[in-house]
Amino acid sequence: MTINCKGNLIDLSSPKVMGILNLTPDSFYDGGLYKNEKDILQQVETMLQEGATFIDIGAYSSRPNAEHISENEELKRSVSIVKLLLKEFPEILISIDTFRSNVARQCIEAGAVLINDISAGKMDDKMLETVADLNVPYIMMHMKGTPQTMLKHSNYANLIKDILFCFSERIAASHALGIKDLIVDPGFGFAKTLEQNFELLSKLDLFKILELPILIGVSRKSMIYKTLENSVQDALNGTTVLNTIALQKGASILRVHDVKEAVESIKLTNKLSSNH
């Protein structure tokens, strides 16, 4: 199971880590931490040294009730950082976390290699055709509503069936346009209650029916710290536990704030599976 990132064939049969770089002032965990080029470069260098295959740049906060920002503001935050990172780390594989087709296009043209869309093309009618035109891998996440409204949209007739049906429709639309490399993200925390998040994780292996790589993003999310009754700052151990479970159920990419611990989870689960 491989994806083509501008000529780099990435084998996802062995899981990979995607390090998160939030360029937003209001992200739930690391908002506002990376305010200047020095801090950004230092954080990315650390993630690459710790074993991140991808760096995922996000300039629009998608936490519940996040402030909506303009496309120009998102572009201003993201395109220059893509160029900065490629200048400093020429071999870096950058993913752009956006639901806007124009932001995706400009970041890919600046050197990013992958598009990560929380809306699976539903918040921008031009996104799928843009992905097809750019011929890059596309991560489609499941979410109902928008970051501002998703908390009101956690009603499902059948959680897993509903999400799989949504993916099958978006996958068919993508294939019809000629998009080759698709990755699915079930969208933990997006229009899902705490209980639904755990149901989703417990049944994650059912998503193998899609025959596509699965990206998991549970890093330091409220499903962890609310269950453990601690805080986002204390949620690393819980993140590692859930990432390990996700790997055992078929996850191909772990999207995380803490790369070192995710890489160790992969090494240990790979060792375990090789001894079966």
Protein backbone atom coordinates (compact mmCIF):
# COMPACT_ATOMS: atom_id res chain seq x y z
CA MET A 1 0.00 0.00 0.00
CA THR A 2 1.92 3.03 -1.29
CA ILE A 3 1.22 6.69 -2.01
CA ASN A 4 3.14 8.84 -4.49
CA CYS A 5 4.30 12.13 -2.98
CA LYS A 6 5.78 13.96 -6.00
CA GLY A 7 7.89 10.99 -7.01
CA ASN A 8 8.54 9.72 -3.49
CA LEU A 9 6.80 6.37 -3.10
CA ILE A 10 5.83 6.06 0.57
CA ASP A 11 5.07 2.51 1.70
CA LEU A 12 2.25 2.60 4.24
CA SER A 13 2.24 -1.15 4.86
CA SER A 14 4.53 -0.14 7.72
CA PRO A 15 2.76 2.70 9.58
CA LYS A 16 4.14 6.23 9.43
CA VAL A 17 3.97 9.29 11.67
CA MET A 18 2.64 12.70 10.65
CA GLY A 19 3.87 15.49 12.93
CA ILE A 20 1.48 18.39 13.57
CA LEU A 21 2.61 21.98 13.06
CA ASN A 22 -0.18 24.38 14.02
CA LEU A 23 0.28 27.92 12.76
CA THR A 24 -2.86 29.08 14.54
CA PRO A 25 -3.05 31.16 17.73
CA ASP A 26 -6.05 29.20 19.06
CA SER A 27 -5.44 25.47 18.53
CA PHE A 28 -6.53 23.39 21.50
CA TYR A 29 -3.05 22.19 22.54
CA ASP A 30 -0.23 24.13 20.88
CA GLY A 31 -1.98 27.28 19.69
CA GLY A 32 0.39 30.23 19.50
CA LEU A 33 3.50 28.25 20.42
CA TYR A 34 5.26 28.78 17.10
CA LYS A 35 5.18 32.53 16.51
CA ASN A 36 8.43 33.08 14.64
CA GLU A 37 10.59 31.32 12.06
CA LYS A 38 13.17 30.17 14.62
CA ASP A 39 10.57 28.39 16.77
CA ILE A 40 8.92 26.82 13.73
CA LEU A 41 12.21 25.52 12.30
CA GLN A 42 13.30 24.18 15.69
CA GLN A 43 10.02 22.30 16.20
CA VAL A 44 10.05 20.82 12.69
CA GLU A 45 13.70 19.78 13.00
CA THR A 46 12.85 17.99 16.26
CA MET A 47 9.90 16.16 14.68
CA LEU A 48 11.97 15.08 11.67
CA GLN A 49 14.82 13.88 13.87
CA GLU A 50 12.36 11.90 15.98
CA GLY A 51 11.10 10.07 12.90
CA ALA A 52 8.18 11.96 11.35
CA THR A 53 7.61 11.00 7.70
CA PHE A 54 5.21 13.90 7.08
CA ILE A 55 4.79 17.36 8.59
CA ASP A 56 1.17 18.55 8.56
CA ILE A 57 0.82 22.33 8.43
CA GLY A 58 -2.46 23.81 9.59
CA ALA A 59 -3.27 27.52 9.50
CA TYR A 60 -7.00 27.25 10.29
CA SER A 61 -8.01 25.96 13.71
CA SER A 62 -10.64 23.22 13.44
CA ARG A 63 -11.28 22.77 17.15
CA PRO A 64 -14.96 23.05 18.19
CA ASN A 65 -16.23 26.64 17.98
CA ALA A 66 -12.94 27.84 16.51
CA GLU A 67 -12.81 31.33 15.10
CA HIS A 68 -13.44 31.46 11.36
CA ILE A 69 -10.61 33.18 9.47
CA SER A 70 -10.48 34.47 5.90
CA GLU A 71 -8.81 32.65 3.02
CA ASN A 72 -6.27 35.47 2.74
CA GLU A 73 -5.32 35.07 6.39
CA GLU A 74 -4.93 31.30 5.97
CA LEU A 75 -2.77 31.81 2.88
CA LYS A 76 -0.65 34.42 4.66
CA ARG A 77 -0.01 32.00 7.51
CA SER A 78 0.75 28.92 5.41
CA VAL A 79 2.40 29.51 2.01
CA SER A 80 5.47 31.32 3.36
CA ILE A 81 6.01 28.56 5.95
CA VAL A 82 5.87 25.85 3.27
CA LYS A 83 8.61 27.72 1.38
CA LEU A 84 10.62 28.29 4.57
CA LEU A 85 10.56 24.60 5.51
CA LEU A 86 11.53 23.43 2.03
CA LYS A 87 14.45 25.85 1.96
CA GLU A 88 15.70 24.54 5.33
CA PHE A 89 14.74 20.85 4.82
CA PRO A 90 14.73 20.12 1.04
CA GLU A 91 13.62 16.48 1.49
CA ILE A 92 10.67 17.29 3.77
CA LEU A 93 7.22 15.88 2.88
CA ILE A 94 4.69 18.59 3.77
CA SER A 95 0.97 17.99 4.12
CA ILE A 96 -1.32 21.03 4.00
CA ASP A 97 -4.28 20.83 6.38
CA THR A 98 -7.01 22.87 4.68
CA PHE A 99 -10.57 22.58 3.35
CA ARG A 100 -10.04 25.42 0.84
CA SER A 101 -9.04 24.45 -2.69
CA ASN A 102 -7.13 27.67 -3.38
CA VAL A 103 -5.06 27.31 -0.20
CA ALA A 104 -4.38 23.70 -1.14
CA ARG A 105 -3.32 24.67 -4.66
CA GLN A 106 -1.01 27.48 -3.59
CA CYS A 107 0.66 25.36 -0.91
CA ILE A 108 1.16 22.43 -3.31
CA GLU A 109 2.61 24.82 -5.89
CA ALA A 110 4.92 26.14 -3.15
CA GLY A 111 6.17 22.59 -2.53
CA ALA A 112 3.77 20.69 -0.27
CA VAL A 113 3.04 17.13 -1.44
CA LEU A 114 -0.22 16.09 0.18
CA ILE A 115 -3.64 17.61 1.01
CA ASN A 116 -5.39 16.91 4.33
CA ASP A 117 -9.04 18.02 4.22
CA ILE A 118 -11.26 17.85 7.32
CA SER A 119 -14.38 18.13 5.14
CA ALA A 120 -13.62 15.52 2.44
CA GLY A 121 -14.40 18.18 -0.17
CA LYS A 122 -17.78 19.15 1.27
CA MET A 123 -16.80 22.68 2.35
CA ASP A 124 -15.37 23.66 -1.05
CA ASP A 125 -17.00 22.38 -4.25
CA LYS A 126 -13.72 22.82 -6.14
CA MET A 127 -11.55 20.76 -3.79
CA LEU A 128 -11.86 17.34 -5.47
CA GLU A 129 -11.22 18.68 -8.97
CA THR A 130 -8.26 20.65 -7.57
CA VAL A 131 -6.78 17.50 -6.02
CA ALA A 132 -7.26 15.66 -9.32
CA ASP A 133 -5.61 18.50 -11.24
CA LEU A 134 -2.64 18.65 -8.85
CA ASN A 135 -2.33 14.82 -8.84
CA VAL A 136 -1.35 14.56 -5.17
CA PRO A 137 -2.47 12.22 -2.36
CA TYR A 138 -5.62 13.30 -0.57
CA ILE A 139 -6.65 12.67 3.03
CA MET A 140 -10.43 12.85 3.41
CA MET A 141 -11.77 13.15 6.94
CA HIS A 142 -15.29 12.43 8.13
CA MET A 143 -17.09 15.37 9.71
CA LYS A 144 -20.68 16.59 9.73
CA GLY A 145 -21.27 20.33 9.70
CA THR A 146 -18.33 22.70 10.17
CA PRO A 147 -15.89 23.26 13.05
CA GLN A 148 -18.28 25.96 14.26
CA THR A 149 -21.40 23.72 14.15
CA MET A 150 -20.18 20.11 14.41
CA LEU A 151 -21.07 19.69 18.09
CA LYS A 152 -24.75 19.86 17.05
CA HIS A 153 -24.36 17.06 14.48
CA SER A 154 -23.53 13.95 16.51
CA ASN A 155 -26.77 12.09 15.74
CA TYR A 156 -26.31 8.88 13.72
CA ALA A 157 -28.64 6.06 12.78
CA ASN A 158 -25.65 3.73 12.96
CA LEU A 159 -22.28 5.38 13.60
CA ILE A 160 -19.98 3.03 11.68
CA LYS A 161 -22.37 2.36 8.79
CA ASP A 162 -23.07 6.07 8.38
CA ILE A 163 -19.38 6.96 8.28
CA LEU A 164 -18.57 4.11 5.87
CA PHE A 165 -21.44 5.18 3.61
CA CYS A 166 -20.14 8.75 3.61
CA PHE A 167 -16.65 7.56 2.72
CA SER A 168 -17.90 5.28 -0.06
CA GLU A 169 -19.69 8.25 -1.66
CA ARG A 170 -16.64 10.55 -1.40
CA ILE A 171 -14.29 7.82 -2.63
CA ALA A 172 -16.51 7.19 -5.68
CA ALA A 173 -16.58 10.94 -6.43
CA SER A 174 -12.78 11.07 -6.12
CA HIS A 175 -12.20 8.05 -8.35
CA ALA A 176 -14.56 9.49 -10.97
CA LEU A 177 -12.23 12.49 -11.22
CA GLY A 178 -9.13 10.30 -11.44
CA ILE A 179 -7.77 10.84 -7.92
CA LYS A 180 -5.49 7.88 -7.28
CA ASP A 181 -3.98 8.10 -3.79
CA LEU A 182 -6.67 8.36 -1.11
CA ILE A 183 -6.36 8.11 2.66
CA VAL A 184 -9.36 8.06 5.03
CA ASP A 185 -9.53 9.68 8.47
CA PRO A 186 -12.58 8.70 10.58
CA GLY A 187 -12.47 12.11 12.28
CA PHE A 188 -12.17 11.48 16.00
CA GLY A 189 -13.78 14.36 17.88
CA PHE A 190 -15.48 15.83 14.82
CA ALA A 191 -19.28 15.66 15.21
CA LYS A 192 -18.84 12.73 17.59
CA THR A 193 -19.48 12.40 21.31
CA LEU A 194 -16.97 10.91 23.72
CA GLU A 195 -18.80 7.57 23.64
CA GLN A 196 -18.96 7.61 19.85
CA ASN A 197 -15.22 8.22 19.66
CA PHE A 198 -14.56 5.07 21.66
CA GLU A 199 -17.06 3.07 19.61
CA LEU A 200 -15.24 4.27 16.51
CA LEU A 201 -11.87 3.17 17.87
CA SER A 202 -13.18 -0.20 19.02
CA LYS A 203 -14.53 -0.92 15.51
CA LEU A 204 -11.73 0.70 13.54
CA ASP A 205 -10.77 -2.60 11.89
CA LEU A 206 -14.11 -2.49 10.02
CA PHE A 207 -12.70 0.39 7.94
CA LYS A 208 -10.32 -2.07 6.27
CA ILE A 209 -13.26 -2.86 3.96
CA LEU A 210 -12.46 0.41 2.15
CA GLU A 211 -9.05 -1.01 1.17
CA LEU A 212 -7.39 2.37 1.74
CA PRO A 213 -4.79 3.62 4.23
CA ILE A 214 -6.33 4.89 7.48
CA LEU A 215 -5.08 8.00 9.26
CA ILE A 216 -5.77 8.35 12.98
CA GLY A 217 -5.77 11.65 14.83
CA VAL A 218 -6.46 11.20 18.55
CA SER A 219 -3.43 13.11 19.80
CA ARG A 220 -4.21 14.82 23.15
CA LYS A 221 -7.92 15.06 22.27
CA SER A 222 -10.71 15.48 24.82
CA MET A 223 -11.74 11.81 24.52
CA ILE A 224 -8.51 11.12 26.39
CA TYR A 225 -8.28 13.81 29.03
CA LYS A 226 -12.02 13.86 29.80
CA THR A 227 -12.00 10.10 30.34
CA LEU A 228 -8.86 10.27 32.51
CA GLU A 229 -10.08 13.44 34.25
CA ASN A 230 -6.80 15.23 33.67
CA SER A 231 -5.78 17.91 31.14
CA VAL A 232 -4.59 18.23 27.55
CA GLN A 233 -1.07 18.76 28.92
CA ASP A 234 -1.29 15.40 30.75
CA ALA A 235 -2.75 13.46 27.80
CA LEU A 236 0.45 12.08 26.24
CA ASN A 237 0.31 8.70 27.96
CA GLY A 238 -3.34 8.26 27.01
CA THR A 239 -2.53 9.28 23.44
CA THR A 240 0.15 6.59 23.24
CA VAL A 241 -2.26 3.95 24.54
CA LEU A 242 -4.95 4.81 21.98
CA ASN A 243 -2.42 5.10 19.14
CA THR A 244 -1.18 1.61 19.97
CA ILE A 245 -4.74 0.24 19.86
CA ALA A 246 -5.30 2.02 16.53
CA LEU A 247 -2.15 0.45 15.09
CA GLN A 248 -3.33 -3.01 16.12
CA LYS A 249 -6.64 -2.30 14.34
CA GLY A 250 -5.05 -1.25 11.06
CA ALA A 251 -3.98 2.41 11.26
CA SER A 252 -1.45 3.40 8.58
CA ILE A 253 -0.64 6.96 9.70
CA LEU A 254 -0.61 8.45 13.19
CA ARG A 255 -1.12 12.24 13.18
CA VAL A 256 0.43 13.47 16.43
CA HIS A 257 1.87 16.34 18.42
CA ASP A 258 4.47 14.02 20.03
CA VAL A 259 6.44 12.22 17.34
CA LYS A 260 8.97 10.28 19.44
CA GLU A 261 6.31 8.40 21.40
CA ALA A 262 4.30 7.60 18.26
CA VAL A 263 7.39 6.21 16.51
CA GLU A 264 8.07 4.01 19.55
CA SER A 265 4.48 2.71 19.45
CA ILE A 266 4.97 1.73 15.82
CA LYS A 267 8.29 -0.01 16.49
CA LEU A 268 6.83 -2.04 19.34
CA THR A 269 3.62 -3.04 17.52
CA ASN A 270 5.66 -3.95 14.42
CA LYS A 271 7.88 -6.15 16.60
CA LEU A 272 4.83 -7.79 18.14
CA SER A 273 3.20 -8.53 14.76
CA SER A 274 6.45 -9.90 13.31
CA ASN A 275 6.50 -12.54 16.04
CA HIS A 276 3.01 -13.87 15.33
